[in-house]
Amino acid sequence: IGASSGIGLATANLFAGVGATVHAAARRREAIQAGAGGRNVTAHTLDISDKGAVWWTVEEVGESDGIDILVVAAGMNFPERRLEQLTADGWDAMISVNLSGAFYAVRAALPYLRASQGLVILISSVSGRWPDASGPAYQASKAGMVELAHAAGFEEHVNGVRFTSILPGIVDTPILDNRPEPPPNVVRDAALKPE
């Protein structure tokens, strides 16, 4: 989920490249098709903050192909991220996409993950552990993803389901364009790449 660009798209392509059956979901289905088209990737339109749509999509995939690995790479941030700029609507949107959406996906996929003794990978951020300029809402949502993985893994290991969260530093993806001042090319060139 979150496979229209960045780490999500790179992950979908990685799995497709080794022959896995991939269901890639994001708000921009056409971006998935353009970035991963032509291979064994089925694109789904999905807003991860819409719990009903997440449940329906995950259930559809689980019933047709099962789920061995769930990767949640959807994320958002926006320029007005400082505490004094942050609105209640902005906070709610950030938590909904970056944290609640991860929960919706994990909860919907749980029966299929138990059946396959599968793996959940939540793409968090180093911002979820150390203070930086990404803003309180982003940092809180990413810290929540880490703890969701910890707590769910603690409970679900007896059912064979494993959880991990990955906390990358700066990655040269489109989300960097949403910074109040996008980093210069010299910084982007030195950053991790989604692959």
Protein backbone atom coordinates (compact mmCIF):
# COMPACT_ATOMS: atom_id res chain seq x y z
CA ILE A 1 0.00 0.00 0.00
CA GLY A 2 1.41 3.36 -1.04
CA ALA A 3 2.78 1.92 -4.28
CA SER A 4 2.34 4.88 -6.62
CA SER A 5 5.82 6.29 -5.98
CA GLY A 6 8.87 6.22 -3.76
CA ILE A 7 9.56 3.27 -1.47
CA GLY A 8 6.16 1.69 -2.13
CA LEU A 9 6.63 1.57 -5.90
CA ALA A 10 10.23 0.39 -5.57
CA THR A 11 9.08 -2.40 -3.25
CA ALA A 12 6.32 -3.50 -5.63
CA ASN A 13 8.84 -3.62 -8.46
CA LEU A 14 11.32 -5.56 -6.32
CA PHE A 15 8.79 -8.26 -5.51
CA ALA A 16 7.50 -8.37 -9.08
CA GLY A 17 11.06 -8.68 -10.33
CA VAL A 18 11.58 -11.91 -8.41
CA GLY A 19 8.31 -13.39 -9.64
CA ALA A 20 5.95 -12.66 -6.75
CA THR A 21 2.28 -11.98 -7.38
CA VAL A 22 1.93 -8.34 -6.35
CA HIS A 23 -1.18 -6.36 -5.52
CA ALA A 24 -0.14 -2.71 -5.42
CA ALA A 25 -2.51 -0.11 -4.00
CA ALA A 26 -2.47 3.69 -3.82
CA ARG A 27 -4.66 6.70 -4.47
CA ARG A 28 -3.05 7.11 -7.90
CA ARG A 29 -3.63 3.79 -9.65
CA GLU A 30 -2.38 5.16 -12.96
CA ALA A 31 1.00 5.92 -11.36
CA ILE A 32 1.29 2.28 -10.27
CA GLN A 33 0.43 1.12 -13.76
CA ALA A 34 3.02 3.47 -15.28
CA GLY A 35 5.74 2.59 -12.78
CA ALA A 36 5.16 -1.16 -12.50
CA GLY A 37 3.15 -1.88 -15.61
CA GLY A 38 3.57 -4.93 -17.74
CA ARG A 39 4.64 -7.26 -14.96
CA ASN A 40 2.76 -9.45 -12.51
CA VAL A 41 1.42 -6.40 -10.65
CA THR A 42 -2.28 -5.77 -10.18
CA ALA A 43 -2.98 -2.10 -9.43
CA HIS A 44 -5.73 -1.06 -7.03
CA THR A 45 -7.04 2.43 -6.33
CA LEU A 46 -7.05 2.90 -2.56
CA ASP A 47 -7.12 5.78 -0.11
CA ILE A 48 -5.52 4.24 2.98
CA SER A 49 -7.40 6.65 5.25
CA ASP A 50 -10.74 5.16 4.11
CA LYS A 51 -11.17 2.22 6.50
CA GLY A 52 -14.05 0.69 4.53
CA ALA A 53 -12.13 0.80 1.26
CA VAL A 54 -9.02 -0.64 2.92
CA TRP A 55 -10.99 -3.49 4.42
CA TRP A 56 -12.74 -4.26 1.11
CA THR A 57 -9.54 -4.14 -0.95
CA VAL A 58 -7.49 -6.24 1.47
CA GLU A 59 -10.29 -8.78 1.78
CA GLU A 60 -10.63 -8.99 -2.01
CA VAL A 61 -6.89 -9.64 -2.38
CA GLY A 62 -6.80 -12.07 0.53
CA GLU A 63 -9.69 -14.12 -0.78
CA SER A 64 -8.28 -14.30 -4.31
CA ASP A 65 -4.55 -14.81 -3.69
CA GLY A 66 -3.95 -14.89 0.06
CA ILE A 67 -1.46 -12.51 1.67
CA ASP A 68 2.08 -13.58 2.52
CA ILE A 69 3.62 -10.13 2.96
CA LEU A 70 1.91 -6.83 3.67
CA VAL A 71 3.98 -3.68 3.08
CA VAL A 72 2.51 -0.37 4.20
CA ALA A 73 4.52 2.43 2.62
CA ALA A 74 1.79 5.07 2.32
CA GLY A 75 2.71 8.37 3.89
CA MET A 76 2.13 12.07 3.73
CA ASN A 77 3.45 15.35 5.02
CA PHE A 78 2.79 18.96 4.13
CA PRO A 79 4.64 22.28 4.29
CA GLU A 80 2.60 23.75 7.18
CA ARG A 81 4.05 21.27 9.65
CA ARG A 82 5.29 23.38 12.57
CA LEU A 83 3.21 23.19 15.76
CA GLU A 84 2.13 26.82 15.45
CA GLN A 85 0.89 26.14 11.88
CA LEU A 86 -0.70 22.76 12.50
CA THR A 87 -4.50 22.66 12.45
CA ALA A 88 -6.80 20.01 13.84
CA ASP A 89 -7.70 19.00 10.28
CA GLY A 90 -4.03 18.73 9.36
CA TRP A 91 -3.33 16.61 12.44
CA ASP A 92 -6.28 14.33 11.68
CA ALA A 93 -5.25 13.90 8.04
CA MET A 94 -1.67 13.02 8.98
CA ILE A 95 -2.64 10.50 11.65
CA SER A 96 -5.30 9.03 9.37
CA VAL A 97 -2.92 8.37 6.47
CA ASN A 98 0.30 7.60 8.32
CA LEU A 99 -0.97 5.63 11.32
CA SER A 100 -4.66 4.74 11.24
CA GLY A 101 -4.34 3.52 7.65
CA ALA A 102 -1.57 1.15 8.69
CA PHE A 103 -3.84 -0.23 11.41
CA TYR A 104 -6.76 -0.64 8.98
CA ALA A 105 -4.56 -2.60 6.57
CA VAL A 106 -2.98 -4.80 9.22
CA ARG A 107 -6.30 -5.57 10.89
CA ALA A 108 -7.99 -6.44 7.59
CA ALA A 109 -5.08 -8.64 6.50
CA LEU A 110 -4.67 -10.45 9.82
CA PRO A 111 -6.67 -13.62 8.98
CA TYR A 112 -4.73 -14.08 5.74
CA LEU A 113 -1.39 -13.34 7.40
CA ARG A 114 -2.15 -15.92 10.09
CA ALA A 115 -3.00 -18.48 7.42
CA SER A 116 0.29 -17.90 5.60
CA GLN A 117 2.35 -17.18 8.73
CA GLY A 118 3.20 -13.98 6.95
CA LEU A 119 5.18 -10.82 7.44
CA VAL A 120 4.11 -7.19 7.91
CA ILE A 121 6.55 -4.42 7.00
CA LEU A 122 5.61 -0.91 8.09
CA ILE A 123 7.66 1.86 6.49
CA SER A 124 8.08 4.38 9.27
CA SER A 125 10.82 7.01 9.46
CA VAL A 126 13.83 7.96 11.52
CA SER A 127 11.63 10.95 12.39
CA GLY A 128 9.59 8.58 14.55
CA ARG A 129 12.57 8.18 16.89
CA TRP A 130 14.57 11.42 16.82
CA PRO A 131 13.42 15.03 16.70
CA ASP A 132 13.84 16.80 13.39
CA ALA A 133 12.05 19.36 11.23
CA SER A 134 9.40 16.96 9.90
CA GLY A 135 6.81 18.31 12.35
CA PRO A 136 4.94 16.99 15.40
CA ALA A 137 2.10 15.30 13.50
CA TYR A 138 4.44 13.44 11.14
CA GLN A 139 6.75 12.42 13.96
CA ALA A 140 3.88 11.24 16.16
CA SER A 141 2.35 9.23 13.33
CA LYS A 142 5.65 7.55 12.45
CA ALA A 143 6.44 6.80 16.10
CA GLY A 144 3.00 5.24 16.33
CA MET A 145 3.78 2.98 13.38
CA VAL A 146 6.89 1.71 15.15
CA GLU A 147 4.94 0.91 18.30
CA LEU A 148 2.12 -0.66 16.29
CA ALA A 149 4.70 -3.07 14.85
CA HIS A 150 6.17 -3.77 18.30
CA ALA A 151 2.84 -4.45 19.99
CA ALA A 152 1.32 -6.41 17.11
CA GLY A 153 4.45 -8.52 16.78
CA PHE A 154 4.40 -9.23 20.51
CA GLU A 155 0.83 -10.50 20.27
CA GLU A 156 0.93 -12.23 16.90
CA HIS A 157 4.22 -14.14 17.11
CA VAL A 158 2.27 -17.06 18.62
CA ASN A 159 0.23 -17.15 15.39
CA GLY A 160 3.34 -17.09 13.22
CA VAL A 161 2.88 -13.51 12.00
CA ARG A 162 6.01 -11.37 12.08
CA PHE A 163 6.13 -7.58 12.15
CA THR A 164 8.89 -5.09 11.48
CA SER A 165 9.16 -1.39 10.93
CA ILE A 166 11.80 0.24 8.80
CA LEU A 167 12.98 3.72 9.76
CA PRO A 168 14.81 5.21 6.79
CA GLY A 169 16.46 8.59 6.93
CA ILE A 170 16.14 11.01 4.04
CA VAL A 171 15.06 9.22 0.86
CA ASP A 172 14.89 10.95 -2.50
CA THR A 173 11.14 10.61 -3.08
CA PRO A 174 8.35 13.02 -4.03
CA ILE A 175 7.48 13.57 -0.34
CA LEU A 176 10.59 15.79 -0.12
CA ASP A 177 8.82 18.25 -2.40
CA ASN A 178 6.35 18.89 0.44
CA ARG A 179 9.00 20.33 2.73
CA PRO A 180 8.71 24.07 3.43
CA GLU A 181 12.01 24.33 1.57
CA PRO A 182 12.65 21.25 -0.59
CA PRO A 183 16.26 20.08 -0.30
CA PRO A 184 18.70 21.12 -3.01
CA ASN A 185 19.86 18.62 -5.62
CA VAL A 186 23.18 18.09 -3.85
CA VAL A 187 21.29 16.75 -0.79
CA ARG A 188 18.90 14.68 -2.89
CA ASP A 189 21.79 13.19 -4.85
CA ALA A 190 23.41 12.03 -1.59
CA ALA A 191 20.14 10.70 -0.11
CA LEU A 192 19.01 7.09 -0.12
CA LYS A 193 17.09 6.07 -3.22
CA PRO A 194 13.75 4.25 -2.90
CA GLU A 195 15.26 1.05 -4.30
